[in-house]
Amino acid sequence: MTTAPLVQILIADDDQDDCMMAREAFRECHIPNPLHFVHDGEELMNYLKHRPPYEDEARYPLPGLILLDLNMPRMDGREALLEIKSDSLLGSIPVVILSTSSADEDILRSYAIGVNSFITKPSSFSGLLEVVKNLGRYWLEIVELPTDGTHND
């Protein structure tokens, strides 16, 4: 019996401290899935479409799950979400908004565009640990996600 490869996780967040805390939270929660980071929406789309400097598909594989911040420079999370969900190849990748915003407008608009879940970032590291633990349990243990990087049926 072969073990399925681990789902790749791509985190799009412009706050370096939040990225470091996310990496640490995944480590403390013993979630072994590979984490990749981008820091704005344009970088996210370059990664997903394998545009420079992300041409190497082995080094920058398509993720099975995207954690997306809404408020980023150059292209914000709302614009990136719209582009992802309207793309025939990328649209099936689950996207979870992880943002400091809890505005009804952001939540409603995100779901209207096609986000799979919306989570308001906790203000403490212990809160982040709880979110990551639940994300890991739900998205990486319970839900079946595509792992081959093609997302085609």
Foldseek 3Di string as FASTA:
>chain_A
DDDFDAFEEEEEAQDPVVVVLLVVLCVVLVPPHHYHYDHALVRVVCLQVCHPPRVPCVVRFHGLEYEAEQDGPPHGRLRSLLVQCVDPFRNVRAYEYEYCDPDPVVVVSSVVSPHPYYHHHDPDSVSSSVVSNVCCCPVRPPDDTDRPRRPDD
